[in-house]
Amino acid sequence: MAPRALWPLALLLGLSACYSEADYEAEYTEAICDKYFECYDQAQQENLSWDSADECYEERDAPLQTQESSCEFDADSAQLCVEETRDLACADLYDGRWPTPCSTVCGE
């Protein structure tokens, strides 16, 4: 049994091991759609394919990057990608600067 001081780390590792590709795809879709509608003004939103974040969720509900046959899914990177996408500054979105963990979801 792990010493008490290591329990939070063990819990975190256990939770990330349960993070699946399906979890990532659903949560990333939600995070990016929310970010588009949070950051883009009305004129920019008119150029999107969706009228709302809910429509974006529905259309983007198809499997994302992990659909690649050679993907070695990295649950830790996927979870960090979603968290950092949620926290992404609008200026970074405008400049196309995506969270680094998003580039390693399918391994390095």
N, C-alpha and C. Protein backbone atom coordinates (compact mmCIF):
# COMPACT_ATOMS: atom_id res chain seq x y z
N MET A 1 0.84 -1.18 0.00
CA MET A 1 0.00 0.00 0.00
C MET A 1 0.89 1.25 0.00
N ALA A 2 0.50 2.26 -0.76
CA ALA A 2 1.28 3.49 -0.88
C ALA A 2 1.20 4.30 0.41
N PRO A 3 2.31 4.95 0.78
CA PRO A 3 2.26 5.85 1.95
C PRO A 3 1.23 6.95 1.72
N ARG A 4 0.68 7.46 2.81
CA ARG A 4 -0.36 8.50 2.73
C ARG A 4 0.03 9.68 1.85
N ALA A 5 1.27 10.10 1.91
CA ALA A 5 1.72 11.26 1.13
C ALA A 5 1.61 11.01 -0.37
N LEU A 6 1.60 9.75 -0.79
CA LEU A 6 1.54 9.42 -2.22
C LEU A 6 0.13 9.15 -2.72
N TRP A 7 -0.86 9.13 -1.84
CA TRP A 7 -2.24 8.84 -2.26
C TRP A 7 -2.76 9.79 -3.32
N PRO A 8 -2.56 11.12 -3.17
CA PRO A 8 -3.07 12.01 -4.23
C PRO A 8 -2.46 11.69 -5.60
N LEU A 9 -1.18 11.37 -5.63
CA LEU A 9 -0.53 11.01 -6.89
C LEU A 9 -1.10 9.71 -7.44
N ALA A 10 -1.29 8.74 -6.58
CA ALA A 10 -1.85 7.45 -7.00
C ALA A 10 -3.27 7.64 -7.54
N LEU A 11 -4.04 8.49 -6.88
CA LEU A 11 -5.40 8.77 -7.35
C LEU A 11 -5.38 9.44 -8.71
N LEU A 12 -4.50 10.42 -8.90
CA LEU A 12 -4.39 11.11 -10.18
C LEU A 12 -3.98 10.14 -11.29
N LEU A 13 -3.01 9.30 -11.01
CA LEU A 13 -2.58 8.32 -12.01
C LEU A 13 -3.70 7.34 -12.33
N GLY A 14 -4.45 6.94 -11.33
CA GLY A 14 -5.56 6.03 -11.56
C GLY A 14 -6.65 6.67 -12.40
N LEU A 15 -6.93 7.94 -12.16
CA LEU A 15 -7.95 8.63 -12.94
C LEU A 15 -7.53 8.80 -14.38
N SER A 16 -6.27 9.16 -14.63
CA SER A 16 -5.84 9.36 -16.01
C SER A 16 -5.83 8.05 -16.77
N ALA A 17 -5.60 6.94 -16.08
CA ALA A 17 -5.61 5.64 -16.74
C ALA A 17 -7.01 5.30 -17.24
N CYS A 18 -8.02 5.88 -16.63
CA CYS A 18 -9.41 5.62 -17.03
C CYS A 18 -9.87 6.56 -18.15
N TYR A 19 -9.06 7.54 -18.50
CA TYR A 19 -9.45 8.53 -19.51
C TYR A 19 -9.31 7.89 -20.88
N SER A 20 -10.42 7.70 -21.56
CA SER A 20 -10.44 6.97 -22.82
C SER A 20 -10.45 7.92 -24.03
N GLU A 21 -10.27 7.32 -25.21
CA GLU A 21 -10.36 8.08 -26.45
C GLU A 21 -11.75 8.70 -26.60
N ALA A 22 -12.78 7.96 -26.21
CA ALA A 22 -14.15 8.49 -26.30
C ALA A 22 -14.33 9.69 -25.37
N ASP A 23 -13.76 9.61 -24.16
CA ASP A 23 -13.82 10.75 -23.23
C ASP A 23 -13.14 11.96 -23.86
N TYR A 24 -11.95 11.72 -24.41
CA TYR A 24 -11.20 12.80 -25.02
C TYR A 24 -11.98 13.44 -26.17
N GLU A 25 -12.49 12.63 -27.06
CA GLU A 25 -13.20 13.16 -28.23
C GLU A 25 -14.40 14.00 -27.81
N ALA A 26 -15.17 13.52 -26.85
CA ALA A 26 -16.35 14.26 -26.40
C ALA A 26 -15.95 15.55 -25.68
N GLU A 27 -14.97 15.46 -24.78
CA GLU A 27 -14.59 16.63 -24.00
C GLU A 27 -13.82 17.66 -24.83
N TYR A 28 -13.01 17.19 -25.77
CA TYR A 28 -12.29 18.13 -26.64
C TYR A 28 -13.28 18.87 -27.54
N THR A 29 -14.25 18.14 -28.08
CA THR A 29 -15.28 18.77 -28.91
C THR A 29 -15.99 19.86 -28.13
N GLU A 30 -16.39 19.55 -26.91
CA GLU A 30 -17.07 20.54 -26.08
C GLU A 30 -16.16 21.73 -25.78
N ALA A 31 -14.91 21.45 -25.45
CA ALA A 31 -13.98 22.54 -25.11
C ALA A 31 -13.74 23.47 -26.28
N ILE A 32 -13.51 22.91 -27.47
CA ILE A 32 -13.19 23.76 -28.62
C ILE A 32 -14.43 24.51 -29.10
N CYS A 33 -15.58 23.88 -29.08
CA CYS A 33 -16.80 24.58 -29.49
C CYS A 33 -17.10 25.72 -28.53
N ASP A 34 -16.98 25.46 -27.24
CA ASP A 34 -17.20 26.52 -26.25
C ASP A 34 -16.22 27.67 -26.47
N LYS A 35 -14.97 27.33 -26.78
CA LYS A 35 -13.94 28.36 -26.97
C LYS A 35 -14.26 29.23 -28.19
N TYR A 36 -14.72 28.61 -29.28
CA TYR A 36 -15.10 29.39 -30.46
C TYR A 36 -16.18 30.42 -30.11
N PHE A 37 -17.19 29.98 -29.40
CA PHE A 37 -18.31 30.88 -29.11
C PHE A 37 -18.00 31.84 -27.97
N GLU A 38 -17.00 31.54 -27.17
CA GLU A 38 -16.56 32.47 -26.14
C GLU A 38 -15.70 33.58 -26.74
N CYS A 39 -14.82 33.20 -27.67
CA CYS A 39 -13.82 34.15 -28.16
C CYS A 39 -14.25 34.94 -29.39
N TYR A 40 -15.00 34.33 -30.26
CA TYR A 40 -15.34 35.00 -31.51
C TYR A 40 -16.51 35.96 -31.31
N ASP A 41 -16.39 37.14 -31.91
CA ASP A 41 -17.49 38.09 -31.84
C ASP A 41 -18.57 37.66 -32.84
N GLN A 42 -19.66 38.39 -32.87
CA GLN A 42 -20.81 38.02 -33.70
C GLN A 42 -20.43 37.88 -35.18
N ALA A 43 -19.64 38.80 -35.70
CA ALA A 43 -19.24 38.74 -37.11
C ALA A 43 -18.42 37.49 -37.39
N GLN A 44 -17.51 37.15 -36.50
CA GLN A 44 -16.69 35.95 -36.68
C GLN A 44 -17.55 34.69 -36.56
N GLN A 45 -18.52 34.71 -35.65
CA GLN A 45 -19.39 33.55 -35.47
C GLN A 45 -20.22 33.29 -36.72
N GLU A 46 -20.54 34.33 -37.47
CA GLU A 46 -21.31 34.16 -38.71
C GLU A 46 -20.52 33.38 -39.75
N ASN A 47 -19.19 33.35 -39.63
CA ASN A 47 -18.35 32.60 -40.57
C ASN A 47 -18.18 31.13 -40.16
N LEU A 48 -18.66 30.80 -38.97
CA LEU A 48 -18.58 29.41 -38.52
C LEU A 48 -19.68 28.59 -39.20
N SER A 49 -19.53 27.30 -39.18
CA SER A 49 -20.52 26.40 -39.78
C SER A 49 -21.73 26.16 -38.87
N TRP A 50 -21.68 26.70 -37.67
CA TRP A 50 -22.72 26.43 -36.67
C TRP A 50 -23.29 27.74 -36.14
N ASP A 51 -24.52 27.67 -35.69
CA ASP A 51 -25.16 28.85 -35.10
C ASP A 51 -25.02 28.89 -33.58
N SER A 52 -24.59 27.78 -33.00
CA SER A 52 -24.46 27.72 -31.55
C SER A 52 -23.42 26.66 -31.18
N ALA A 53 -22.98 26.72 -29.93
CA ALA A 53 -22.05 25.71 -29.44
C ALA A 53 -22.69 24.33 -29.50
N ASP A 54 -23.98 24.24 -29.23
CA ASP A 54 -24.67 22.94 -29.28
C ASP A 54 -24.63 22.34 -30.68
N GLU A 55 -24.83 23.16 -31.71
CA GLU A 55 -24.75 22.66 -33.09
C GLU A 55 -23.32 22.23 -33.41
N CYS A 56 -22.36 22.95 -32.89
CA CYS A 56 -20.95 22.59 -33.08
C CYS A 56 -20.69 21.22 -32.44
N TYR A 57 -21.19 20.98 -31.22
CA TYR A 57 -21.00 19.69 -30.55
C TYR A 57 -21.54 18.56 -31.42
N GLU A 58 -22.74 18.77 -31.93
CA GLU A 58 -23.39 17.71 -32.70
C GLU A 58 -22.61 17.38 -33.97
N GLU A 59 -22.18 18.41 -34.70
CA GLU A 59 -21.48 18.17 -35.96
C GLU A 59 -20.08 17.61 -35.73
N ARG A 60 -19.43 18.07 -34.69
CA ARG A 60 -18.05 17.62 -34.42
C ARG A 60 -18.03 16.36 -33.57
N ASP A 61 -19.17 15.73 -33.38
CA ASP A 61 -19.26 14.56 -32.52
C ASP A 61 -18.60 13.33 -33.14
N ALA A 62 -18.20 13.42 -34.40
CA ALA A 62 -17.49 12.31 -35.05
C ALA A 62 -16.10 12.18 -34.43
N PRO A 63 -15.51 11.01 -34.49
CA PRO A 63 -14.16 10.84 -33.91
C PRO A 63 -13.18 11.86 -34.49
N LEU A 64 -12.30 12.36 -33.63
CA LEU A 64 -11.33 13.38 -34.01
C LEU A 64 -9.99 12.75 -34.37
N GLN A 65 -8.89 13.36 -33.90
CA GLN A 65 -7.55 12.93 -34.25
C GLN A 65 -7.27 11.47 -33.94
N THR A 66 -7.89 10.93 -32.93
CA THR A 66 -7.58 9.57 -32.51
C THR A 66 -8.08 8.55 -33.50
N GLN A 67 -8.77 8.97 -34.56
CA GLN A 67 -9.28 8.06 -35.56
C GLN A 67 -8.13 7.48 -36.41
N GLU A 68 -6.99 8.12 -36.41
CA GLU A 68 -5.86 7.65 -37.18
C GLU A 68 -5.52 6.22 -36.75
N SER A 69 -5.27 5.35 -37.72
CA SER A 69 -5.00 3.95 -37.39
C SER A 69 -3.69 3.78 -36.64
N SER A 70 -2.75 4.68 -36.82
CA SER A 70 -1.46 4.55 -36.16
C SER A 70 -1.40 5.27 -34.82
N CYS A 71 -2.52 5.71 -34.33
CA CYS A 71 -2.56 6.47 -33.09
C CYS A 71 -2.24 5.58 -31.89
N GLU A 72 -1.25 6.01 -31.11
CA GLU A 72 -0.97 5.40 -29.83
C GLU A 72 -1.47 6.39 -28.79
N PHE A 73 -2.75 6.27 -28.46
CA PHE A 73 -3.45 7.22 -27.60
C PHE A 73 -2.72 7.40 -26.28
N ASP A 74 -2.46 8.66 -25.94
CA ASP A 74 -1.82 9.03 -24.69
C ASP A 74 -2.86 9.72 -23.81
N ALA A 75 -3.38 9.00 -22.84
CA ALA A 75 -4.46 9.51 -22.00
C ALA A 75 -4.05 10.76 -21.23
N ASP A 76 -2.80 10.79 -20.75
CA ASP A 76 -2.34 11.96 -20.00
C ASP A 76 -2.31 13.21 -20.88
N SER A 77 -1.77 13.07 -22.10
CA SER A 77 -1.74 14.21 -23.04
C SER A 77 -3.15 14.63 -23.41
N ALA A 78 -4.02 13.66 -23.60
CA ALA A 78 -5.40 13.97 -23.98
C ALA A 78 -6.10 14.78 -22.89
N GLN A 79 -5.92 14.35 -21.66
CA GLN A 79 -6.55 15.05 -20.54
C GLN A 79 -5.99 16.47 -20.41
N LEU A 80 -4.66 16.61 -20.53
CA LEU A 80 -4.05 17.94 -20.47
C LEU A 80 -4.49 18.81 -21.64
N CYS A 81 -4.62 18.21 -22.82
CA CYS A 81 -5.07 18.95 -24.00
C CYS A 81 -6.44 19.57 -23.74
N VAL A 82 -7.36 18.79 -23.22
CA VAL A 82 -8.71 19.29 -22.94
C VAL A 82 -8.66 20.40 -21.90
N GLU A 83 -7.93 20.17 -20.81
CA GLU A 83 -7.85 21.18 -19.75
C GLU A 83 -7.24 22.49 -20.27
N GLU A 84 -6.16 22.37 -21.04
CA GLU A 84 -5.50 23.57 -21.54
C GLU A 84 -6.31 24.24 -22.65
N THR A 85 -7.10 23.48 -23.40
CA THR A 85 -7.98 24.08 -24.40
C THR A 85 -9.06 24.90 -23.71
N ARG A 86 -9.60 24.37 -22.63
CA ARG A 86 -10.61 25.12 -21.85
C ARG A 86 -10.04 26.43 -21.32
N ASP A 87 -8.75 26.41 -20.96
CA ASP A 87 -8.10 27.60 -20.39
C ASP A 87 -7.41 28.48 -21.43
N LEU A 88 -7.48 28.10 -22.69
CA LEU A 88 -6.79 28.81 -23.76
C LEU A 88 -7.25 30.27 -23.84
N ALA A 89 -6.30 31.16 -23.90
CA ALA A 89 -6.64 32.58 -24.05
C ALA A 89 -7.14 32.83 -25.47
N CYS A 90 -8.09 33.72 -25.60
CA CYS A 90 -8.64 34.03 -26.92
C CYS A 90 -7.55 34.51 -27.87
N ALA A 91 -6.58 35.26 -27.37
CA ALA A 91 -5.48 35.73 -28.22
C ALA A 91 -4.71 34.55 -28.81
N ASP A 92 -4.54 33.49 -28.02
CA ASP A 92 -3.84 32.31 -28.53
C ASP A 92 -4.68 31.61 -29.59
N LEU A 93 -5.99 31.56 -29.38
CA LEU A 93 -6.88 30.97 -30.38
C LEU A 93 -6.79 31.75 -31.69
N TYR A 94 -6.84 33.07 -31.60
CA TYR A 94 -6.76 33.91 -32.80
C TYR A 94 -5.46 33.67 -33.55
N ASP A 95 -4.37 33.46 -32.80
CA ASP A 95 -3.05 33.30 -33.42
C ASP A 95 -2.73 31.84 -33.78
N GLY A 96 -3.68 30.94 -33.53
CA GLY A 96 -3.47 29.54 -33.87
C GLY A 96 -2.48 28.82 -32.97
N ARG A 97 -2.31 29.31 -31.75
CA ARG A 97 -1.40 28.68 -30.79
C ARG A 97 -2.21 27.72 -29.92
N TRP A 98 -2.08 26.43 -30.21
CA TRP A 98 -2.82 25.40 -29.49
C TRP A 98 -1.98 24.84 -28.37
N PRO A 99 -2.62 24.32 -27.35
CA PRO A 99 -1.87 23.72 -26.25
C PRO A 99 -0.94 22.60 -26.74
N THR A 100 0.27 22.60 -26.26
CA THR A 100 1.28 21.61 -26.66
C THR A 100 0.81 20.17 -26.47
N PRO A 101 0.15 19.83 -25.35
CA PRO A 101 -0.27 18.43 -25.17
C PRO A 101 -1.20 17.93 -26.29
N CYS A 102 -1.88 18.82 -26.97
CA CYS A 102 -2.79 18.39 -28.06
C CYS A 102 -2.02 17.74 -29.20
N SER A 103 -0.75 18.11 -29.36
CA SER A 103 0.04 17.54 -30.46
C SER A 103 0.60 16.16 -30.11
N THR A 104 0.43 15.74 -28.85
CA THR A 104 0.98 14.45 -28.44
C THR A 104 -0.09 13.46 -28.00
N VAL A 105 -1.35 13.76 -28.30
CA VAL A 105 -2.44 12.85 -27.93
C VAL A 105 -2.26 11.50 -28.61
N CYS A 106 -1.75 11.51 -29.84
CA CYS A 106 -1.49 10.27 -30.56
C CYS A 106 -0.03 9.88 -30.50
N GLY A 107 0.61 10.18 -29.39
CA GLY A 107 2.02 9.84 -29.22
C GLY A 107 2.92 10.85 -29.90
N GLU A 108 4.18 10.73 -29.61
CA GLU A 108 5.15 11.69 -30.17
C GLU A 108 5.82 11.10 -31.39
